[in-house]
């Protein structure tokens, strides 16, 4: 039986949100993790055989104050809604390559004459 667990976590920045989502996603039995609420302060976890108290305790230790709001069964209609409502946060890294001029690494040759 799949469960849907909603936990309110005190998260002030994007780093806290990604840390909380990574912590919950690493738990055994979790199928999907999403952020919900007006301030993106609720973590919605869907999975099978998940211990809600253990997840809440881990979030309290690693992220901040956490409050268990709802534990319930997932209906087939609700399975599609969290996937569509979940916002995907994509972090891109700027990879800029600077090519140095070839003359900077070239060797100068001197003509010398030995007798």
PDB file of N, CA and C in Angstrom:
ATOM      1  N   UNK A   1       0.834  -1.168   0.000  1.00  0.00           N
ATOM      2  CA  UNK A   1       0.000   0.000   0.000  1.00  0.00           C
ATOM      3  C   UNK A   1       0.886   1.241   0.000  1.00  0.00           C
ATOM      4  N   UNK A   2       0.654   2.122  -0.924  1.00  0.00           N
ATOM      5  CA  UNK A   2       1.429   3.360  -1.016  1.00  0.00           C
ATOM      6  C   UNK A   2       0.887   4.367  -0.026  1.00  0.00           C
ATOM      7  N   UNK A   3       1.827   5.131   0.534  1.00  0.00           N
ATOM      8  CA  UNK A   3       1.479   6.162   1.496  1.00  0.00           C
ATOM      9  C   UNK A   3       1.839   7.533   0.944  1.00  0.00           C
ATOM     10  N   UNK A   4       1.096   8.520   1.407  1.00  0.00           N
ATOM     11  CA  UNK A   4       1.414   9.909   1.100  1.00  0.00           C
ATOM     12  C   UNK A   4       1.624  10.605   2.432  1.00  0.00           C
ATOM     13  N   UNK A   5       2.821  11.156   2.627  1.00  0.00           N
ATOM     14  CA  UNK A   5       3.186  11.805   3.871  1.00  0.00           C
ATOM     15  C   UNK A   5       3.499  13.264   3.571  1.00  0.00           C
ATOM     16  N   UNK A   6       2.915  14.164   4.357  1.00  0.00           N
ATOM     17  CA  UNK A   6       3.164  15.599   4.208  1.00  0.00           C
ATOM     18  C   UNK A   6       3.821  16.086   5.495  1.00  0.00           C
ATOM     19  N   UNK A   7       4.996  16.700   5.358  1.00  0.00           N
ATOM     20  CA  UNK A   7       5.766  17.188   6.499  1.00  0.00           C
ATOM     21  C   UNK A   7       6.087  18.655   6.265  1.00  0.00           C
ATOM     22  N   UNK A   8       5.779  19.498   7.243  1.00  0.00           N
ATOM     23  CA  UNK A   8       6.136  20.914   7.162  1.00  0.00           C
ATOM     24  C   UNK A   8       7.517  21.075   7.795  1.00  0.00           C
ATOM     25  N   UNK A   9       8.441  21.651   7.035  1.00  0.00           N
ATOM     26  CA  UNK A   9       9.817  21.831   7.479  1.00  0.00           C
ATOM     27  C   UNK A   9      10.169  23.309   7.367  1.00  0.00           C
ATOM     28  N   UNK A  10      10.838  23.827   8.394  1.00  0.00           N
ATOM     29  CA  UNK A  10      11.272  25.229   8.376  1.00  0.00           C
ATOM     30  C   UNK A  10      12.490  25.336   7.472  1.00  0.00           C
ATOM     31  N   UNK A  11      12.267  25.830   6.241  1.00  0.00           N
ATOM     32  CA  UNK A  11      13.339  25.972   5.253  1.00  0.00           C
ATOM     33  C   UNK A  11      13.389  27.421   4.811  1.00  0.00           C
ATOM     34  N   UNK A  12      14.568  28.034   4.929  1.00  0.00           N
ATOM     35  CA  UNK A  12      14.688  29.456   4.616  1.00  0.00           C
ATOM     36  C   UNK A  12      15.322  29.733   3.262  1.00  0.00           C
ATOM     37  N   UNK A  13      16.058  28.766   2.715  1.00  0.00           N
ATOM     38  CA  UNK A  13      16.756  29.024   1.455  1.00  0.00           C
ATOM     39  C   UNK A  13      16.676  27.793   0.549  1.00  0.00           C
ATOM     40  N   UNK A  14      17.151  27.955  -0.687  1.00  0.00           N
ATOM     41  CA  UNK A  14      17.132  26.852  -1.646  1.00  0.00           C
ATOM     42  C   UNK A  14      18.066  25.724  -1.231  1.00  0.00           C
ATOM     43  N   UNK A  15      19.140  26.070  -0.563  1.00  0.00           N
ATOM     44  CA  UNK A  15      20.078  25.041  -0.098  1.00  0.00           C
ATOM     45  C   UNK A  15      19.405  24.126   0.924  1.00  0.00           C
ATOM     46  N   UNK A  16      18.611  24.699   1.821  1.00  0.00           N
ATOM     47  CA  UNK A  16      17.874  23.899   2.812  1.00  0.00           C
ATOM     48  C   UNK A  16      16.849  23.006   2.122  1.00  0.00           C
ATOM     49  N   UNK A  17      16.195  23.537   1.101  1.00  0.00           N
ATOM     50  CA  UNK A  17      15.187  22.757   0.381  1.00  0.00           C
ATOM     51  C   UNK A  17      15.818  21.571  -0.343  1.00  0.00           C
ATOM     52  N   UNK A  18      16.939  21.802  -0.998  1.00  0.00           N
ATOM     53  CA  UNK A  18      17.588  20.705  -1.712  1.00  0.00           C
ATOM     54  C   UNK A  18      18.164  19.684  -0.737  1.00  0.00           C
ATOM     55  N   UNK A  19      18.635  20.137   0.408  1.00  0.00           N
ATOM     56  CA  UNK A  19      19.155  19.226   1.429  1.00  0.00           C
ATOM     57  C   UNK A  19      18.032  18.349   1.978  1.00  0.00           C
ATOM     58  N   UNK A  20      16.868  18.946   2.229  1.00  0.00           N
ATOM     59  CA  UNK A  20      15.732  18.193   2.738  1.00  0.00           C
ATOM     60  C   UNK A  20      15.238  17.174   1.706  1.00  0.00           C
ATOM     61  N   UNK A  21      15.167  17.595   0.444  1.00  0.00           N
ATOM     62  CA  UNK A  21      14.691  16.680  -0.595  1.00  0.00           C
ATOM     63  C   UNK A  21      15.676  15.537  -0.805  1.00  0.00           C
ATOM     64  N   UNK A  22      16.972  15.808  -0.743  1.00  0.00           N
ATOM     65  CA  UNK A  22      17.981  14.755  -0.906  1.00  0.00           C
ATOM     66  C   UNK A  22      17.929  13.771   0.249  1.00  0.00           C
ATOM     67  N   UNK A  23      17.711  14.281   1.453  1.00  0.00           N
ATOM     68  CA  UNK A  23      17.634  13.422   2.635  1.00  0.00           C
ATOM     69  C   UNK A  23      16.437  12.479   2.550  1.00  0.00           C
ATOM     70  N   UNK A  24      15.300  13.014   2.148  1.00  0.00           N
ATOM     71  CA  UNK A  24      14.089  12.194   2.052  1.00  0.00           C
ATOM     72  C   UNK A  24      14.185  11.228   0.878  1.00  0.00           C
ATOM     73  N   UNK A  25      14.752  11.658  -0.230  1.00  0.00           N
ATOM     74  CA  UNK A  25      14.859  10.805  -1.419  1.00  0.00           C
ATOM     75  C   UNK A  25      15.786   9.623  -1.178  1.00  0.00           C
ATOM     76  N   UNK A  26      16.744   9.766  -0.260  1.00  0.00           N
ATOM     77  CA  UNK A  26      17.682   8.686   0.022  1.00  0.00           C
ATOM     78  C   UNK A  26      17.085   7.606   0.923  1.00  0.00           C
ATOM     79  N   UNK A  27      15.896   7.838   1.451  1.00  0.00           N
ATOM     80  CA  UNK A  27      15.240   6.880   2.329  1.00  0.00           C
ATOM     81  C   UNK A  27      14.708   5.705   1.518  1.00  0.00           C
ATOM     82  N   UNK A  28      14.809   4.513   2.092  1.00  0.00           N
ATOM     83  CA  UNK A  28      14.363   3.300   1.412  1.00  0.00           C
ATOM     84  C   UNK A  28      12.838   3.291   1.304  1.00  0.00           C
ATOM     85  N   UNK A  29      12.337   3.016   0.109  1.00  0.00           N
ATOM     86  CA  UNK A  29      10.903   2.907  -0.122  1.00  0.00           C
ATOM     87  C   UNK A  29      10.259   4.148  -0.694  1.00  0.00           C
ATOM     88  N   UNK A  30      11.003   5.232  -0.834  1.00  0.00           N
ATOM     89  CA  UNK A  30      10.445   6.487  -1.345  1.00  0.00           C
ATOM     90  C   UNK A  30      10.392   6.438  -2.861  1.00  0.00           C
ATOM     91  N   UNK A  31       9.205   6.724  -3.422  1.00  0.00           N
ATOM     92  CA  UNK A  31       9.020   6.753  -4.872  1.00  0.00           C
ATOM     93  C   UNK A  31       9.172   8.161  -5.437  1.00  0.00           C
ATOM     94  N   UNK A  32       8.593   9.150  -4.745  1.00  0.00           N
ATOM     95  CA  UNK A  32       8.693  10.522  -5.241  1.00  0.00           C
ATOM     96  C   UNK A  32       8.697  11.499  -4.074  1.00  0.00           C
ATOM     97  N   UNK A  33       9.356  12.638  -4.307  1.00  0.00           N
ATOM     98  CA  UNK A  33       9.444  13.713  -3.325  1.00  0.00           C
ATOM     99  C   UNK A  33       9.103  15.007  -4.049  1.00  0.00           C
ATOM    100  N   UNK A  34       8.286  15.846  -3.409  1.00  0.00           N
ATOM    101  CA  UNK A  34       7.917  17.121  -4.015  1.00  0.00           C
ATOM    102  C   UNK A  34       7.768  18.172  -2.925  1.00  0.00           C
ATOM    103  N   UNK A  35       7.911  19.436  -3.328  1.00  0.00           N
ATOM    104  CA  UNK A  35       7.683  20.548  -2.422  1.00  0.00           C
ATOM    105  C   UNK A  35       6.292  21.098  -2.675  1.00  0.00           C
ATOM    106  N   UNK A  36       5.602  21.474  -1.603  1.00  0.00           N
ATOM    107  CA  UNK A  36       4.246  21.997  -1.728  1.00  0.00           C
ATOM    108  C   UNK A  36       4.089  23.168  -0.764  1.00  0.00           C
ATOM    109  N   UNK A  37       2.947  23.801  -0.838  1.00  0.00           N
ATOM    110  CA  UNK A  37       2.654  24.922   0.046  1.00  0.00           C
ATOM    111  C   UNK A  37       2.976  26.244  -0.613  1.00  0.00           C
ATOM    112  N   UNK A  38       2.513  27.314   0.027  1.00  0.00           N
ATOM    113  CA  UNK A  38       2.735  28.646  -0.521  1.00  0.00           C
ATOM    114  C   UNK A  38       4.212  29.044  -0.473  1.00  0.00           C
ATOM    115  N   UNK A  39       4.869  28.755   0.626  1.00  0.00           N
ATOM    116  CA  UNK A  39       6.273  29.128   0.763  1.00  0.00           C
ATOM    117  C   UNK A  39       7.219  27.988   0.461  1.00  0.00           C
ATOM    118  N   UNK A  40       6.733  26.959  -0.220  1.00  0.00           N
ATOM    119  CA  UNK A  40       7.532  25.756  -0.511  1.00  0.00           C
ATOM    120  C   UNK A  40       8.139  25.202   0.784  1.00  0.00           C
ATOM    121  N   UNK A  41       7.304  25.157   1.836  1.00  0.00           N
ATOM    122  CA  UNK A  41       7.781  24.702   3.132  1.00  0.00           C
ATOM    123  C   UNK A  41       7.233  23.326   3.522  1.00  0.00           C
ATOM    124  N   UNK A  42       6.552  22.668   2.601  1.00  0.00           N
ATOM    125  CA  UNK A  42       6.019  21.337   2.872  1.00  0.00           C
ATOM    126  C   UNK A  42       6.660  20.329   1.932  1.00  0.00           C
ATOM    127  N   UNK A  43       7.083  19.209   2.498  1.00  0.00           N
ATOM    128  CA  UNK A  43       7.670  18.129   1.717  1.00  0.00           C
ATOM    129  C   UNK A  43       6.624  17.031   1.598  1.00  0.00           C
ATOM    130  N   UNK A  44       6.278  16.667   0.370  1.00  0.00           N
ATOM    131  CA  UNK A  44       5.302  15.615   0.103  1.00  0.00           C
ATOM    132  C   UNK A  44       6.074  14.378  -0.352  1.00  0.00           C
ATOM    133  N   UNK A  45       5.918  13.282   0.410  1.00  0.00           N
ATOM    134  CA  UNK A  45       6.645  12.049   0.146  1.00  0.00           C
ATOM    135  C   UNK A  45       5.633  10.974  -0.218  1.00  0.00           C
ATOM    136  N   UNK A  46       5.872  10.276  -1.319  1.00  0.00           N
ATOM    137  CA  UNK A  46       5.020   9.166  -1.741  1.00  0.00           C
ATOM    138  C   UNK A  46       5.904   7.932  -1.858  1.00  0.00           C
ATOM    139  N   UNK A  47       5.443   6.847  -1.230  1.00  0.00           N
ATOM    140  CA  UNK A  47       6.221   5.616  -1.284  1.00  0.00           C
ATOM    141  C   UNK A  47       5.519   4.491  -0.561  1.00  0.00           C
ATOM    142  N   UNK A  48       6.225   3.386  -0.483  1.00  0.00           N
ATOM    143  CA  UNK A  48       5.646   2.195   0.121  1.00  0.00           C
ATOM    144  C   UNK A  48       6.533   1.737   1.273  1.00  0.00           C
ATOM    145  N   UNK A  49       5.915   1.509   2.439  1.00  0.00           N
ATOM    146  CA  UNK A  49       6.648   1.024   3.604  1.00  0.00           C
ATOM    147  C   UNK A  49       7.569   2.071   4.209  1.00  0.00           C
ATOM    148  N   UNK A  50       7.135   3.320   4.249  1.00  0.00           N
ATOM    149  CA  UNK A  50       7.956   4.413   4.761  1.00  0.00           C
ATOM    150  C   UNK A  50       7.579   4.674   6.217  1.00  0.00           C
ATOM    151  N   UNK A  51       8.582   4.876   7.064  1.00  0.00           N
ATOM    152  CA  UNK A  51       8.357   5.238   8.459  1.00  0.00           C
ATOM    153  C   UNK A  51       8.328   6.761   8.561  1.00  0.00           C
ATOM    154  N   UNK A  52       7.145   7.318   8.785  1.00  0.00           N
ATOM    155  CA  UNK A  52       6.985   8.770   8.790  1.00  0.00           C
ATOM    156  C   UNK A  52       7.681   9.418   9.979  1.00  0.00           C
ATOM    157  N   UNK A  53       7.710   8.750  11.105  1.00  0.00           N
ATOM    158  CA  UNK A  53       8.355   9.311  12.291  1.00  0.00           C
ATOM    159  C   UNK A  53       9.867   9.369  12.095  1.00  0.00           C
ATOM    160  N   UNK A  54      10.430   8.357  11.465  1.00  0.00           N
ATOM    161  CA  UNK A  54      11.868   8.333  11.222  1.00  0.00           C
ATOM    162  C   UNK A  54      12.285   9.446  10.252  1.00  0.00           C
ATOM    163  N   UNK A  55      11.484   9.671   9.222  1.00  0.00           N
ATOM    164  CA  UNK A  55      11.789  10.749   8.266  1.00  0.00           C
ATOM    165  C   UNK A  55      11.694  12.110   8.945  1.00  0.00           C
ATOM    166  N   UNK A  56      10.660  12.310   9.763  1.00  0.00           N
ATOM    167  CA  UNK A  56      10.490  13.582  10.467  1.00  0.00           C
ATOM    168  C   UNK A  56      11.642  13.836  11.423  1.00  0.00           C
ATOM    169  N   UNK A  57      12.068  12.800  12.140  1.00  0.00           N
ATOM    170  CA  UNK A  57      13.191  12.933  13.063  1.00  0.00           C
ATOM    171  C   UNK A  57      14.482  13.267  12.330  1.00  0.00           C
ATOM    172  N   UNK A  58      14.712  12.622  11.188  1.00  0.00           N
ATOM    173  CA  UNK A  58      15.916  12.899  10.403  1.00  0.00           C
ATOM    174  C   UNK A  58      15.908  14.335   9.879  1.00  0.00           C
ATOM    175  N   UNK A  59      14.749  14.822   9.454  1.00  0.00           N
ATOM    176  CA  UNK A  59      14.645  16.205   8.981  1.00  0.00           C
ATOM    177  C   UNK A  59      14.900  17.190  10.117  1.00  0.00           C
ATOM    178  N   UNK A  60      14.442  16.873  11.316  1.00  0.00           N
ATOM    179  CA  UNK A  60      14.692  17.744  12.462  1.00  0.00           C
ATOM    180  C   UNK A  60      16.182  17.826  12.775  1.00  0.00           C
ATOM    181  N   UNK A  61      16.865  16.709  12.664  1.00  0.00           N
ATOM    182  CA  UNK A  61      18.293  16.691  12.986  1.00  0.00           C
ATOM    183  C   UNK A  61      19.130  17.413  11.938  1.00  0.00           C
ATOM    184  N   UNK A  62      18.797  17.233  10.669  1.00  0.00           N
ATOM    185  CA  UNK A  62      19.644  17.735   9.590  1.00  0.00           C
ATOM    186  C   UNK A  62      19.248  19.107   9.050  1.00  0.00           C
ATOM    187  N   UNK A  63      17.940  19.421   9.037  1.00  0.00           N
ATOM    188  CA  UNK A  63      17.498  20.648   8.373  1.00  0.00           C
ATOM    189  C   UNK A  63      16.996  21.691   9.361  1.00  0.00           C
ATOM    190  N   UNK A  64      16.036  21.329  10.185  1.00  0.00           N
ATOM    191  CA  UNK A  64      15.446  22.293  11.104  1.00  0.00           C
ATOM    192  C   UNK A  64      14.149  21.742  11.652  1.00  0.00           C
ATOM    193  N   UNK A  65      13.335  22.613  12.216  1.00  0.00           N
ATOM    194  CA  UNK A  65      12.077  22.199  12.820  1.00  0.00           C
ATOM    195  C   UNK A  65      11.173  21.543  11.775  1.00  0.00           C
ATOM    196  N   UNK A  66      10.661  20.362  12.107  1.00  0.00           N
ATOM    197  CA  UNK A  66       9.781  19.628  11.193  1.00  0.00           C
ATOM    198  C   UNK A  66       8.540  19.184  11.939  1.00  0.00           C
ATOM    199  N   UNK A  67       7.408  19.265  11.260  1.00  0.00           N
ATOM    200  CA  UNK A  67       6.128  18.902  11.860  1.00  0.00           C
ATOM    201  C   UNK A  67       5.386  17.977  10.905  1.00  0.00           C
ATOM    202  N   UNK A  68       4.986  16.813  11.391  1.00  0.00           N
ATOM    203  CA  UNK A  68       4.258  15.847  10.584  1.00  0.00           C
ATOM    204  C   UNK A  68       2.811  16.308  10.461  1.00  0.00           C
ATOM    205  N   UNK A  69       2.369  16.586   9.233  1.00  0.00           N
ATOM    206  CA  UNK A  69       1.023  17.107   9.017  1.00  0.00           C
ATOM    207  C   UNK A  69       0.009  16.042   8.639  1.00  0.00           C
ATOM    208  N   UNK A  70       0.386  15.148   7.726  1.00  0.00           N
ATOM    209  CA  UNK A  70      -0.607  14.218   7.195  1.00  0.00           C
ATOM    210  C   UNK A  70       0.065  12.918   6.778  1.00  0.00           C
ATOM    211  N   UNK A  71      -0.590  11.809   7.134  1.00  0.00           N
ATOM    212  CA  UNK A  71      -0.184  10.490   6.660  1.00  0.00           C
ATOM    213  C   UNK A  71      -1.445   9.830   6.133  1.00  0.00           C
ATOM    214  N   UNK A  72      -1.415   9.408   4.880  1.00  0.00           N
ATOM    215  CA  UNK A  72      -2.601   8.797   4.298  1.00  0.00           C
ATOM    216  C   UNK A  72      -2.264   7.873   3.158  1.00  0.00           C
ATOM    217  N   UNK A  73      -3.307   7.242   2.661  1.00  0.00           N
ATOM    218  CA  UNK A  73      -3.159   6.319   1.543  1.00  0.00           C
ATOM    219  C   UNK A  73      -3.244   7.086   0.223  1.00  0.00           C
ATOM    220  N   UNK A  74      -2.495   6.644  -0.753  1.00  0.00           N
ATOM    221  CA  UNK A  74      -2.500   7.294  -2.062  1.00  0.00           C
ATOM    222  C   UNK A  74      -3.584   6.657  -2.922  1.00  0.00           C
ATOM    223  N   UNK A  75      -4.400   7.513  -3.512  1.00  0.00           N
ATOM    224  CA  UNK A  75      -5.399   7.036  -4.462  1.00  0.00           C
ATOM    225  C   UNK A  75      -4.813   7.126  -5.857  1.00  0.00           C
ATOM    226  N   UNK A  76      -5.375   6.416  -6.799  1.00  0.00           N
ATOM    227  CA  UNK A  76      -4.836   6.400  -8.158  1.00  0.00           C
ATOM    228  C   UNK A  76      -4.922   7.774  -8.812  1.00  0.00           C
ATOM    229  N   UNK A  77      -5.927   8.558  -8.488  1.00  0.00           N
ATOM    230  CA  UNK A  77      -6.057   9.891  -9.059  1.00  0.00           C
ATOM    231  C   UNK A  77      -4.966  10.823  -8.531  1.00  0.00           C
ATOM    232  N   UNK A  78      -4.584  10.667  -7.278  1.00  0.00           N
ATOM    233  CA  UNK A  78      -3.594  11.546  -6.674  1.00  0.00           C
ATOM    234  C   UNK A  78      -2.179  11.232  -7.130  1.00  0.00           C
ATOM    235  N   UNK A  79      -1.949  10.045  -7.659  1.00  0.00           N
ATOM    236  CA  UNK A  79      -0.607   9.694  -8.123  1.00  0.00           C
ATOM    237  C   UNK A  79      -0.159  10.588  -9.273  1.00  0.00           C
ATOM    238  N   UNK A  80      -1.079  10.978 -10.137  1.00  0.00           N
ATOM    239  CA  UNK A  80      -0.724  11.798 -11.290  1.00  0.00           C
ATOM    240  C   UNK A  80      -0.557  13.264 -10.913  1.00  0.00           C
ATOM    241  N   UNK A  81      -1.294  13.752  -9.937  1.00  0.00           N
ATOM    242  CA  UNK A  81      -1.242  15.165  -9.573  1.00  0.00           C
ATOM    243  C   UNK A  81       0.101  15.595  -8.977  1.00  0.00           C
ATOM    244  N   UNK A  82       0.717  14.863  -8.024  1.00  0.00           N
ATOM    245  CA  UNK A  82       2.007  15.350  -7.501  1.00  0.00           C
ATOM    246  C   UNK A  82       3.098  15.405  -8.567  1.00  0.00           C
ATOM    247  N   UNK A  83       3.065  14.504  -9.525  1.00  0.00           N
ATOM    248  CA  UNK A  83       4.087  14.528 -10.573  1.00  0.00           C
ATOM    249  C   UNK A  83       3.926  15.772 -11.447  1.00  0.00           C
ATOM    250  N   UNK A  84       2.686  16.170 -11.732  1.00  0.00           N
ATOM    251  CA  UNK A  84       2.455  17.343 -12.562  1.00  0.00           C
ATOM    252  C   UNK A  84       2.648  18.631 -11.760  1.00  0.00           C
ATOM    253  N   UNK A  85       2.324  18.604 -10.470  1.00  0.00           N
ATOM    254  CA  UNK A  85       2.421  19.801  -9.643  1.00  0.00           C
ATOM    255  C   UNK A  85       3.824  20.015  -9.096  1.00  0.00           C
ATOM    256  N   UNK A  86       4.650  18.991  -9.124  1.00  0.00           N
ATOM    257  CA  UNK A  86       6.005  19.115  -8.583  1.00  0.00           C
ATOM    258  C   UNK A  86       6.842  20.031  -9.466  1.00  0.00           C
ATOM    259  N   UNK A  87       7.515  20.947  -8.829  1.00  0.00           N
ATOM    260  CA  UNK A  87       8.366  21.858  -9.590  1.00  0.00           C
ATOM    261  C   UNK A  87       9.775  21.294  -9.626  1.00  0.00           C
ATOM    262  N   UNK A  88      10.364  21.309 -10.785  1.00  0.00           N
ATOM    263  CA  UNK A  88      11.710  20.795 -10.967  1.00  0.00           C
ATOM    264  C   UNK A  88      12.681  21.963 -10.875  1.00  0.00           C
ATOM    265  N   UNK A  89      13.643  21.829  -9.978  1.00  0.00           N
ATOM    266  CA  UNK A  89      14.659  22.856  -9.819  1.00  0.00           C
ATOM    267  C   UNK A  89      15.913  22.375 -10.523  1.00  0.00           C
ATOM    268  N   UNK A  90      16.335  23.130 -11.508  1.00  0.00           N
ATOM    269  CA  UNK A  90      17.505  22.741 -12.289  1.00  0.00           C
ATOM    270  C   UNK A  90      18.634  23.712 -11.996  1.00  0.00           C
ATOM    271  N   UNK A  91      19.728  23.163 -11.553  1.00  0.00           N
ATOM    272  CA  UNK A  91      20.899  23.981 -11.273  1.00  0.00           C
ATOM    273  C   UNK A  91      21.887  23.817 -12.413  1.00  0.00           C
ATOM    274  N   UNK A  92      22.262  24.913 -13.008  1.00  0.00           N
ATOM    275  CA  UNK A  92      23.223  24.859 -14.102  1.00  0.00           C
ATOM    276  C   UNK A  92      24.520  25.500 -13.641  1.00  0.00           C
ATOM    277  N   UNK A  93      25.594  24.966 -14.103  1.00  0.00           N
ATOM    278  CA  UNK A  93      26.897  25.489 -13.768  1.00  0.00           C
ATOM    279  C   UNK A  93      27.493  26.154 -15.004  1.00  0.00           C
ATOM    280  N   UNK A  94      27.984  27.370 -14.862  1.00  0.00           N
ATOM    281  CA  UNK A  94      28.574  28.034 -16.024  1.00  0.00           C
ATOM    282  C   UNK A  94      29.949  27.445 -16.325  1.00  0.00           C
ATOM    283  N   UNK A  95      30.062  26.838 -17.456  1.00  0.00           N
ATOM    284  CA  UNK A  95      31.336  26.257 -17.880  1.00  0.00           C
ATOM    285  C   UNK A  95      31.890  27.135 -18.998  1.00  0.00           C
ATOM    286  N   UNK A  96      32.713  28.088 -18.624  1.00  0.00           N
ATOM    287  CA  UNK A  96      33.315  28.981 -19.594  1.00  0.00           C
ATOM    288  C   UNK A  96      34.774  28.583 -19.779  1.00  0.00           C
ATOM    289  N   UNK A  97      35.143  28.393 -20.988  1.00  0.00           N
ATOM    290  CA  UNK A  97      36.512  28.030 -21.294  1.00  0.00           C
ATOM    291  C   UNK A  97      37.197  29.219 -21.945  1.00  0.00           C
ATOM    292  N   UNK A  98      38.348  29.545 -21.468  1.00  0.00           N
ATOM    293  CA  UNK A  98      39.124  30.624 -22.049  1.00  0.00           C
ATOM    294  C   UNK A  98      40.310  29.991 -22.746  1.00  0.00           C
ATOM    295  N   UNK A  99      40.435  30.252 -24.006  1.00  0.00           N
ATOM    296  CA  UNK A  99      41.547  29.699 -24.756  1.00  0.00           C
ATOM    297  C   UNK A  99      42.666  30.727 -24.779  1.00  0.00           C
ATOM    298  N   UNK A 100      43.791  30.305 -24.269  1.00  0.00           N
ATOM    299  CA  UNK A 100      44.950  31.186 -24.244  1.00  0.00           C
ATOM    300  C   UNK A 100      45.567  31.251 -25.636  1.00  0.00           C
ATOM    301  N   UNK A 101      46.142  32.379 -25.984  1.00  0.00           N
ATOM    302  CA  UNK A 101      46.779  32.481 -27.301  1.00  0.00           C
ATOM    303  C   UNK A 101      47.977  31.531 -27.386  1.00  0.00           C
ATOM    304  N   UNK A 102      48.228  31.028 -28.566  1.00  0.00           N
ATOM    305  CA  UNK A 102      49.301  30.060 -28.767  1.00  0.00           C
ATOM    306  C   UNK A 102      50.668  30.678 -28.522  1.00  0.00           C
ATOM    307  N   UNK A 103      50.802  31.968 -28.695  1.00  0.00           N
ATOM    308  CA  UNK A 103      52.096  32.621 -28.518  1.00  0.00           C
ATOM    309  C   UNK A 103      52.522  32.649 -27.057  1.00  0.00           C
ATOM    310  N   UNK A 104      51.596  32.543 -26.168  1.00  0.00           N
ATOM    311  CA  UNK A 104      51.937  32.597 -24.749  1.00  0.00           C
ATOM    312  C   UNK A 104      52.727  31.373 -24.323  1.00  0.00           C
ATOM    313  N   UNK A 105      52.535  30.257 -24.980  1.00  0.00           N
ATOM    314  CA  UNK A 105      53.223  29.037 -24.612  1.00  0.00           C
ATOM    315  C   UNK A 105      54.314  28.635 -25.611  1.00  0.00           C
ATOM    316  N   UNK A 106      54.544  29.437 -26.612  1.00  0.00           N
ATOM    317  CA  UNK A 106      55.543  29.100 -27.625  1.00  0.00           C
ATOM    318  C   UNK A 106      56.958  29.372 -27.118  1.00  0.00           C
ATOM    319  N   UNK A 107      57.918  28.719 -27.692  1.00  0.00           N
ATOM    320  CA  UNK A 107      59.319  28.906 -27.343  1.00  0.00           C
ATOM    321  C   UNK A 107      59.980  29.770 -28.408  1.00  0.00           C
ATOM    322  N   UNK A 108      60.832  30.638 -27.973  1.00  0.00           N
ATOM    323  CA  UNK A 108      61.554  31.459 -28.926  1.00  0.00           C
ATOM    324  C   UNK A 108      62.876  30.769 -29.249  1.00  0.00           C
ATOM    325  N   UNK A 109      63.203  30.738 -30.490  1.00  0.00           N
ATOM    326  CA  UNK A 109      64.439  30.105 -30.907  1.00  0.00           C
ATOM    327  C   UNK A 109      65.452  31.195 -31.270  1.00  0.00           C
ATOM    328  N   UNK A 110      66.643  31.040 -30.753  1.00  0.00           N
ATOM    329  CA  UNK A 110      67.729  31.984 -31.048  1.00  0.00           C
ATOM    330  C   UNK A 110      68.727  31.306 -31.968  1.00  0.00           C
ATOM    331  N   UNK A 111      69.113  32.009 -32.965  1.00  0.00           N
ATOM    332  CA  UNK A 111      70.145  31.475 -33.862  1.00  0.00           C
ATOM    333  C   UNK A 111      71.514  31.742 -33.209  1.00  0.00           C
ATOM    334  N   UNK A 112      72.178  30.704 -32.936  1.00  0.00           N
ATOM    335  CA  UNK A 112      73.506  30.871 -32.358  1.00  0.00           C
ATOM    336  C   UNK A 112      74.490  30.052 -33.191  1.00  0.00           C
ATOM    337  N   UNK A 113      75.644  30.556 -33.303  1.00  0.00           N
ATOM    338  CA  UNK A 113      76.660  29.938 -34.129  1.00  0.00           C
ATOM    339  C   UNK A 113      77.815  29.505 -33.248  1.00  0.00           C
ATOM    340  N   UNK A 114      78.196  28.255 -33.268  1.00  0.00           N
ATOM    341  CA  UNK A 114      79.310  27.739 -32.473  1.00  0.00           C
ATOM    342  C   UNK A 114      80.476  27.436 -33.398  1.00  0.00           C
ATOM    343  N   UNK A 115      81.601  27.844 -33.061  1.00  0.00           N
ATOM    344  CA  UNK A 115      82.767  27.572 -33.894  1.00  0.00           C
ATOM    345  C   UNK A 115      83.691  26.612 -33.275  1.00  0.00           C
TER     346      UNK A 115
END
